[in-house]
Amino acid sequence: MYKHVSKTWKNIFKDNYRPLRIRAVSWRKQTTIKRLEYPSRLTRARSLGYKSKQGIIVVRTKIRRGGMRRQRPRAGRRQKHLGVLKMKAKINAKEIAENRVQRKYPNLKVLNSYLVYKDGRHSWFEVILLDIHHPSIQSDDDFKYHIKK
């Protein structure tokens, strides 16, 4: 069953599925970091360690797409190579999303994240967070490597 669902999601991304585009319109109006009741892509979340239990939280975050164009120097001597165009980030968008969510929820630990949708302006990621102090997480053997005692 999960194999068919993952194939469906691949086709949805490839075909730019209309209901997902309509859903993205409402996502643009929401806040940048939004806590969710359950993940949008359940198969992907479960493959990354998500379980539907207390102490596990899913958050959707919005990241701006595009290059890191710097402002052109206005005063002083003009260098031959201004360092304005073709600037590259040292970390990818997924890590940026995880870092932003980690700053918003400092008491939780990032388990993993995955891409939900992207358009010309934004990328949306869902980040799975663990409350490592919750008893149901501490008693679960699957998360014992994430808890440092």
N, C-alpha and C. Protein backbone atom coordinates (compact mmCIF):
# COMPACT_ATOMS: atom_id res chain seq x y z
N MET A 1 0.83 -1.20 0.00
CA MET A 1 0.00 0.00 0.00
C MET A 1 0.87 1.26 0.00
N TYR A 2 1.88 1.30 0.89
CA TYR A 2 2.73 2.48 0.97
C TYR A 2 3.50 2.72 -0.33
N LYS A 3 3.83 1.64 -1.02
CA LYS A 3 4.56 1.75 -2.28
C LYS A 3 3.72 2.52 -3.32
N HIS A 4 2.43 2.24 -3.35
CA HIS A 4 1.54 2.92 -4.29
C HIS A 4 1.36 4.39 -3.91
N VAL A 5 1.31 4.66 -2.62
CA VAL A 5 1.15 6.04 -2.18
C VAL A 5 2.37 6.86 -2.54
N SER A 6 3.56 6.30 -2.37
CA SER A 6 4.77 7.04 -2.71
C SER A 6 4.87 7.29 -4.21
N LYS A 7 4.42 6.33 -5.02
CA LYS A 7 4.38 6.54 -6.48
C LYS A 7 3.41 7.66 -6.83
N THR A 8 2.28 7.70 -6.13
CA THR A 8 1.30 8.74 -6.37
C THR A 8 1.88 10.12 -6.07
N TRP A 9 2.62 10.24 -4.96
CA TRP A 9 3.23 11.54 -4.61
C TRP A 9 4.26 11.95 -5.65
N LYS A 10 5.01 11.00 -6.19
CA LYS A 10 5.98 11.35 -7.24
C LYS A 10 5.27 11.88 -8.47
N ASN A 11 4.15 11.26 -8.83
CA ASN A 11 3.37 11.74 -9.97
C ASN A 11 2.75 13.11 -9.69
N ILE A 12 2.34 13.34 -8.46
CA ILE A 12 1.76 14.63 -8.09
C ILE A 12 2.79 15.74 -8.28
N PHE A 13 4.03 15.51 -7.86
CA PHE A 13 5.07 16.52 -8.04
C PHE A 13 5.39 16.73 -9.51
N LYS A 14 5.41 15.65 -10.26
CA LYS A 14 5.77 15.73 -11.67
C LYS A 14 4.70 16.47 -12.48
N ASP A 15 3.42 16.21 -12.18
CA ASP A 15 2.32 16.78 -12.95
C ASP A 15 1.83 18.12 -12.43
N ASN A 16 2.39 18.61 -11.32
CA ASN A 16 1.94 19.86 -10.68
C ASN A 16 0.44 19.81 -10.43
N TYR A 17 0.04 18.92 -9.59
CA TYR A 17 -1.34 18.55 -9.27
C TYR A 17 -2.16 19.76 -8.83
N ARG A 18 -3.32 19.97 -9.46
CA ARG A 18 -4.12 21.16 -9.21
C ARG A 18 -4.59 21.30 -7.76
N PRO A 19 -5.11 20.26 -7.09
CA PRO A 19 -5.52 20.44 -5.69
C PRO A 19 -4.36 20.85 -4.77
N LEU A 20 -3.17 20.40 -5.08
CA LEU A 20 -2.01 20.79 -4.27
C LEU A 20 -1.68 22.27 -4.51
N ARG A 21 -1.84 22.73 -5.74
CA ARG A 21 -1.62 24.16 -6.02
C ARG A 21 -2.64 25.02 -5.30
N ILE A 22 -3.88 24.56 -5.24
CA ILE A 22 -4.93 25.30 -4.53
C ILE A 22 -4.63 25.33 -3.04
N ARG A 23 -4.14 24.22 -2.51
CA ARG A 23 -3.77 24.17 -1.09
C ARG A 23 -2.62 25.12 -0.79
N ALA A 24 -1.70 25.27 -1.75
CA ALA A 24 -0.56 26.17 -1.56
C ALA A 24 -1.00 27.63 -1.45
N VAL A 25 -2.12 27.97 -2.07
CA VAL A 25 -2.64 29.34 -1.97
C VAL A 25 -2.98 29.66 -0.52
N SER A 26 -3.61 28.71 0.18
CA SER A 26 -3.92 28.94 1.59
C SER A 26 -2.66 28.90 2.45
N TRP A 27 -1.68 28.09 2.06
CA TRP A 27 -0.42 28.04 2.82
C TRP A 27 0.32 29.37 2.76
N ARG A 28 0.23 30.08 1.63
CA ARG A 28 0.91 31.37 1.50
C ARG A 28 0.36 32.39 2.47
N LYS A 29 -0.94 32.27 2.78
CA LYS A 29 -1.58 33.24 3.67
C LYS A 29 -1.32 32.93 5.15
N GLN A 30 -0.88 31.71 5.44
CA GLN A 30 -0.61 31.33 6.83
C GLN A 30 0.73 31.90 7.29
N THR A 31 1.01 31.71 8.55
CA THR A 31 2.29 32.15 9.09
C THR A 31 3.42 31.29 8.53
N THR A 32 4.64 31.75 8.68
CA THR A 32 5.79 31.05 8.11
C THR A 32 5.99 29.68 8.74
N ILE A 33 5.82 29.59 10.05
CA ILE A 33 5.96 28.31 10.75
C ILE A 33 4.61 27.97 11.35
N LYS A 34 4.05 26.84 10.92
CA LYS A 34 2.69 26.44 11.34
C LYS A 34 2.72 25.02 11.88
N ARG A 35 2.23 24.84 13.09
CA ARG A 35 2.14 23.50 13.69
C ARG A 35 0.93 22.76 13.12
N LEU A 36 1.13 21.47 12.82
CA LEU A 36 0.09 20.66 12.19
C LEU A 36 -0.38 19.55 13.12
N GLU A 37 -1.59 19.08 12.87
CA GLU A 37 -2.13 17.94 13.62
C GLU A 37 -1.51 16.64 13.14
N TYR A 38 -1.35 16.51 11.82
CA TYR A 38 -0.78 15.29 11.23
C TYR A 38 -0.05 15.69 9.95
N PRO A 39 0.89 14.89 9.49
CA PRO A 39 1.67 15.26 8.30
C PRO A 39 0.87 15.15 7.01
N SER A 40 1.27 15.94 6.01
CA SER A 40 0.61 15.89 4.70
C SER A 40 1.01 14.64 3.93
N ARG A 41 2.28 14.29 3.99
CA ARG A 41 2.79 13.10 3.29
C ARG A 41 3.09 12.03 4.34
N LEU A 42 2.09 11.26 4.69
CA LEU A 42 2.21 10.30 5.78
C LEU A 42 3.27 9.24 5.51
N THR A 43 3.35 8.75 4.28
CA THR A 43 4.34 7.70 3.97
C THR A 43 5.75 8.22 4.13
N ARG A 44 6.00 9.44 3.65
CA ARG A 44 7.35 10.02 3.77
C ARG A 44 7.68 10.29 5.23
N ALA A 45 6.72 10.78 5.99
CA ALA A 45 6.95 11.06 7.40
C ALA A 45 7.25 9.78 8.17
N ARG A 46 6.50 8.72 7.88
CA ARG A 46 6.74 7.46 8.59
C ARG A 46 8.08 6.84 8.21
N SER A 47 8.52 7.03 6.97
CA SER A 47 9.82 6.50 6.58
C SER A 47 10.96 7.26 7.26
N LEU A 48 10.68 8.49 7.69
CA LEU A 48 11.70 9.29 8.38
C LEU A 48 11.60 9.21 9.90
N GLY A 49 10.68 8.39 10.43
CA GLY A 49 10.63 8.17 11.86
C GLY A 49 9.40 8.69 12.57
N TYR A 50 8.44 9.24 11.85
CA TYR A 50 7.24 9.77 12.49
C TYR A 50 6.36 8.65 13.01
N LYS A 51 5.81 8.86 14.21
CA LYS A 51 4.79 7.99 14.77
C LYS A 51 3.69 8.88 15.33
N SER A 52 2.46 8.40 15.26
CA SER A 52 1.34 9.17 15.76
C SER A 52 1.21 8.91 17.26
N LYS A 53 1.99 9.64 18.03
CA LYS A 53 1.96 9.48 19.49
C LYS A 53 2.33 10.80 20.13
N GLN A 54 2.08 10.87 21.42
CA GLN A 54 2.41 12.09 22.15
C GLN A 54 3.92 12.28 22.18
N GLY A 55 4.33 13.53 22.09
CA GLY A 55 5.76 13.84 22.12
C GLY A 55 6.36 14.02 20.74
N ILE A 56 5.59 13.74 19.68
CA ILE A 56 6.05 13.95 18.31
C ILE A 56 5.16 15.01 17.68
N ILE A 57 5.81 16.03 17.11
CA ILE A 57 5.11 17.18 16.56
C ILE A 57 5.55 17.39 15.12
N VAL A 58 4.62 17.78 14.27
CA VAL A 58 4.92 18.09 12.87
C VAL A 58 4.66 19.58 12.65
N VAL A 59 5.63 20.24 12.01
CA VAL A 59 5.54 21.66 11.75
C VAL A 59 5.83 21.90 10.26
N ARG A 60 4.99 22.71 9.61
CA ARG A 60 5.25 23.10 8.22
C ARG A 60 5.88 24.48 8.22
N THR A 61 6.96 24.65 7.45
CA THR A 61 7.63 25.93 7.37
C THR A 61 7.82 26.34 5.92
N LYS A 62 7.83 27.65 5.71
CA LYS A 62 7.92 28.23 4.37
C LYS A 62 9.28 28.89 4.23
N ILE A 63 9.99 28.56 3.15
CA ILE A 63 11.32 29.10 2.89
C ILE A 63 11.27 29.84 1.56
N ARG A 64 11.91 31.00 1.51
CA ARG A 64 11.98 31.77 0.26
C ARG A 64 12.94 31.10 -0.70
N ARG A 65 12.58 31.05 -1.97
CA ARG A 65 13.44 30.45 -2.99
C ARG A 65 14.21 31.54 -3.71
N GLY A 66 15.25 31.12 -4.42
CA GLY A 66 16.00 32.05 -5.25
C GLY A 66 17.43 32.18 -4.77
N GLY A 67 18.20 32.93 -5.52
CA GLY A 67 19.61 33.12 -5.22
C GLY A 67 19.82 34.08 -4.07
N MET A 68 21.08 34.23 -3.71
CA MET A 68 21.45 35.12 -2.61
C MET A 68 22.04 36.40 -3.20
N ARG A 69 21.29 37.11 -3.99
CA ARG A 69 21.81 38.30 -4.63
C ARG A 69 22.11 39.36 -3.58
N ARG A 70 23.33 39.86 -3.62
CA ARG A 70 23.73 40.90 -2.67
C ARG A 70 23.47 42.27 -3.26
N GLN A 71 23.44 43.28 -2.38
CA GLN A 71 23.23 44.64 -2.83
C GLN A 71 24.51 45.16 -3.47
N ARG A 72 24.36 45.93 -4.53
CA ARG A 72 25.50 46.46 -5.26
C ARG A 72 26.17 47.55 -4.45
N PRO A 73 27.53 47.54 -4.37
CA PRO A 73 28.23 48.60 -3.62
C PRO A 73 27.94 49.98 -4.21
N ARG A 74 27.61 50.94 -3.35
CA ARG A 74 27.22 52.27 -3.81
C ARG A 74 28.37 53.28 -3.69
N ALA A 75 29.15 53.18 -2.65
CA ALA A 75 30.18 54.20 -2.39
C ALA A 75 31.57 53.59 -2.51
N GLY A 76 32.54 54.43 -2.74
CA GLY A 76 33.92 53.96 -2.78
C GLY A 76 34.32 53.44 -4.15
N ARG A 77 35.46 52.82 -4.16
CA ARG A 77 36.03 52.30 -5.40
C ARG A 77 35.20 51.12 -5.90
N ARG A 78 35.01 51.04 -7.23
CA ARG A 78 34.27 49.92 -7.81
C ARG A 78 35.24 48.81 -8.18
N GLN A 79 35.11 47.65 -7.55
CA GLN A 79 35.95 46.53 -7.93
C GLN A 79 35.52 45.99 -9.28
N LYS A 80 36.42 45.27 -9.93
CA LYS A 80 36.08 44.69 -11.23
C LYS A 80 35.00 43.61 -11.07
N HIS A 81 35.13 42.77 -10.06
CA HIS A 81 34.15 41.72 -9.76
C HIS A 81 33.46 42.12 -8.46
N LEU A 82 32.23 42.57 -8.57
CA LEU A 82 31.54 43.17 -7.43
C LEU A 82 31.10 42.15 -6.39
N GLY A 83 30.97 40.88 -6.77
CA GLY A 83 30.48 39.88 -5.83
C GLY A 83 29.00 40.04 -5.56
N VAL A 84 28.23 40.34 -6.62
CA VAL A 84 26.81 40.57 -6.46
C VAL A 84 26.00 39.38 -6.96
N LEU A 85 26.37 38.86 -8.12
CA LEU A 85 25.62 37.78 -8.75
C LEU A 85 26.27 36.43 -8.47
N LYS A 86 25.53 35.37 -8.72
CA LYS A 86 26.00 33.99 -8.59
C LYS A 86 26.53 33.65 -7.20
N MET A 87 25.92 34.23 -6.18
CA MET A 87 26.28 33.91 -4.80
C MET A 87 25.52 32.63 -4.42
N LYS A 88 26.20 31.70 -3.79
CA LYS A 88 25.60 30.42 -3.42
C LYS A 88 25.56 30.28 -1.90
N ALA A 89 24.51 29.62 -1.42
CA ALA A 89 24.39 29.37 0.02
C ALA A 89 25.26 28.18 0.41
N LYS A 90 25.76 28.21 1.63
CA LYS A 90 26.59 27.10 2.11
C LYS A 90 25.75 25.92 2.57
N ILE A 91 24.49 26.17 2.93
CA ILE A 91 23.61 25.08 3.34
C ILE A 91 22.37 25.09 2.45
N ASN A 92 21.72 23.95 2.33
CA ASN A 92 20.57 23.85 1.44
C ASN A 92 19.28 24.29 2.14
N ALA A 93 18.20 24.36 1.39
CA ALA A 93 16.93 24.88 1.90
C ALA A 93 16.36 24.00 3.01
N LYS A 94 16.59 22.70 2.93
CA LYS A 94 16.08 21.79 3.96
C LYS A 94 16.73 22.09 5.31
N GLU A 95 18.04 22.32 5.31
CA GLU A 95 18.72 22.66 6.57
C GLU A 95 18.30 24.01 7.09
N ILE A 96 18.04 24.96 6.20
CA ILE A 96 17.56 26.28 6.62
C ILE A 96 16.21 26.13 7.32
N ALA A 97 15.32 25.31 6.74
CA ALA A 97 14.00 25.08 7.34
C ALA A 97 14.14 24.44 8.72
N GLU A 98 15.00 23.44 8.84
CA GLU A 98 15.20 22.77 10.13
C GLU A 98 15.76 23.74 11.17
N ASN A 99 16.70 24.59 10.79
CA ASN A 99 17.29 25.54 11.72
C ASN A 99 16.29 26.57 12.20
N ARG A 100 15.43 27.04 11.30
CA ARG A 100 14.42 28.03 11.69
C ARG A 100 13.40 27.44 12.65
N VAL A 101 13.00 26.21 12.39
CA VAL A 101 12.04 25.56 13.29
C VAL A 101 12.69 25.29 14.64
N GLN A 102 13.96 24.92 14.63
CA GLN A 102 14.69 24.66 15.89
C GLN A 102 14.76 25.92 16.75
N ARG A 103 14.93 27.09 16.11
CA ARG A 103 14.95 28.34 16.87
C ARG A 103 13.57 28.67 17.43
N LYS A 104 12.51 28.31 16.68
CA LYS A 104 11.15 28.59 17.14
C LYS A 104 10.75 27.67 18.30
N TYR A 105 11.18 26.39 18.24
CA TYR A 105 10.87 25.41 19.28
C TYR A 105 12.18 24.93 19.92
N PRO A 106 12.77 25.69 20.82
CA PRO A 106 14.08 25.32 21.37
C PRO A 106 14.05 24.10 22.30
N ASN A 107 12.89 23.76 22.87
CA ASN A 107 12.82 22.61 23.78
C ASN A 107 12.62 21.29 23.05
N LEU A 108 12.42 21.33 21.71
CA LEU A 108 12.21 20.12 20.93
C LEU A 108 13.44 19.85 20.06
N LYS A 109 13.60 18.60 19.67
CA LYS A 109 14.74 18.21 18.84
C LYS A 109 14.24 17.81 17.46
N VAL A 110 14.94 18.27 16.43
CA VAL A 110 14.56 17.96 15.05
C VAL A 110 14.91 16.51 14.76
N LEU A 111 13.91 15.74 14.34
CA LEU A 111 14.13 14.36 13.94
C LEU A 111 14.50 14.28 12.47
N ASN A 112 13.69 14.91 11.61
CA ASN A 112 13.97 14.91 10.18
C ASN A 112 12.98 15.85 9.51
N SER A 113 13.14 16.04 8.20
CA SER A 113 12.22 16.90 7.45
C SER A 113 12.15 16.44 6.00
N TYR A 114 11.14 16.93 5.29
CA TYR A 114 10.95 16.56 3.90
C TYR A 114 10.20 17.68 3.17
N LEU A 115 10.38 17.73 1.85
CA LEU A 115 9.73 18.72 1.01
C LEU A 115 8.27 18.36 0.81
N VAL A 116 7.40 19.36 0.91
CA VAL A 116 5.97 19.15 0.67
C VAL A 116 5.57 19.71 -0.69
N TYR A 117 5.98 20.95 -0.97
CA TYR A 117 5.62 21.59 -2.23
C TYR A 117 6.56 22.75 -2.46
N LYS A 118 6.76 23.11 -3.73
CA LYS A 118 7.50 24.33 -4.05
C LYS A 118 6.91 24.97 -5.29
N ASP A 119 6.90 26.28 -5.28
CA ASP A 119 6.47 27.03 -6.44
C ASP A 119 7.58 28.01 -6.80
N GLY A 120 7.28 29.03 -7.57
CA GLY A 120 8.33 29.95 -8.00
C GLY A 120 8.91 30.79 -6.90
N ARG A 121 8.17 31.03 -5.83
CA ARG A 121 8.61 31.93 -4.79
C ARG A 121 8.98 31.24 -3.47
N HIS A 122 8.27 30.17 -3.11
CA HIS A 122 8.49 29.53 -1.81
C HIS A 122 8.68 28.02 -1.94
N SER A 123 9.32 27.45 -0.94
CA SER A 123 9.38 26.00 -0.74
C SER A 123 8.80 25.71 0.63
N TRP A 124 7.96 24.69 0.73
CA TRP A 124 7.39 24.31 2.02
C TRP A 124 7.97 22.97 2.44
N PHE A 125 8.44 22.91 3.68
CA PHE A 125 8.98 21.70 4.26
C PHE A 125 8.17 21.36 5.50
N GLU A 126 8.03 20.07 5.78
CA GLU A 126 7.44 19.64 7.05
C GLU A 126 8.56 19.04 7.88
N VAL A 127 8.69 19.53 9.10
CA VAL A 127 9.76 19.13 10.01
C VAL A 127 9.13 18.32 11.14
N ILE A 128 9.74 17.17 11.43
CA ILE A 128 9.28 16.29 12.51
C ILE A 128 10.12 16.59 13.74
N LEU A 129 9.45 16.91 14.85
CA LEU A 129 10.14 17.29 16.09
C LEU A 129 9.83 16.29 17.19
N LEU A 130 10.81 16.09 18.07
CA LEU A 130 10.66 15.18 19.21
C LEU A 130 10.75 15.96 20.51
N ASP A 131 9.87 15.64 21.43
CA ASP A 131 10.00 16.13 22.80
C ASP A 131 10.71 15.03 23.59
N ILE A 132 12.03 15.17 23.74
CA ILE A 132 12.82 14.07 24.31
C ILE A 132 12.59 13.89 25.81
N HIS A 133 11.88 14.83 26.44
CA HIS A 133 11.58 14.70 27.86
C HIS A 133 10.23 14.06 28.12
N HIS A 134 9.47 13.78 27.07
CA HIS A 134 8.15 13.17 27.22
C HIS A 134 8.32 11.69 27.54
N PRO A 135 7.55 11.15 28.50
CA PRO A 135 7.70 9.74 28.89
C PRO A 135 7.47 8.74 27.75
N SER A 136 6.54 9.04 26.85
CA SER A 136 6.28 8.09 25.75
C SER A 136 7.45 8.04 24.77
N ILE A 137 8.20 9.11 24.65
CA ILE A 137 9.37 9.13 23.78
C ILE A 137 10.55 8.45 24.48
N GLN A 138 10.69 8.70 25.77
CA GLN A 138 11.80 8.09 26.51
C GLN A 138 11.66 6.57 26.60
N SER A 139 10.42 6.07 26.62
CA SER A 139 10.22 4.63 26.72
C SER A 139 10.26 3.92 25.37
N ASP A 140 10.26 4.67 24.27
CA ASP A 140 10.27 4.09 22.93
C ASP A 140 11.70 3.77 22.50
N ASP A 141 11.95 2.53 22.10
CA ASP A 141 13.30 2.12 21.72
C ASP A 141 13.75 2.73 20.40
N ASP A 142 12.81 3.13 19.54
CA ASP A 142 13.19 3.71 18.25
C ASP A 142 13.86 5.07 18.40
N PHE A 143 13.60 5.77 19.50
CA PHE A 143 14.15 7.11 19.69
C PHE A 143 15.25 7.16 20.74
N LYS A 144 15.75 6.02 21.18
CA LYS A 144 16.74 6.03 22.26
C LYS A 144 18.07 6.65 21.83
N TYR A 145 18.36 6.67 20.51
CA TYR A 145 19.60 7.26 20.04
C TYR A 145 19.53 8.79 20.01
N HIS A 146 18.33 9.33 20.04
CA HIS A 146 18.15 10.78 20.01
C HIS A 146 18.18 11.38 21.41
N ILE A 147 18.06 10.54 22.43
CA ILE A 147 18.02 11.00 23.81
C ILE A 147 19.39 10.78 24.42
N LYS A 148 19.98 11.88 24.92
CA LYS A 148 21.28 11.78 25.59
C LYS A 148 21.04 11.89 27.08
N LYS A 149 21.42 10.84 27.79
CA LYS A 149 21.20 10.86 29.25
C LYS A 149 22.48 11.19 29.96
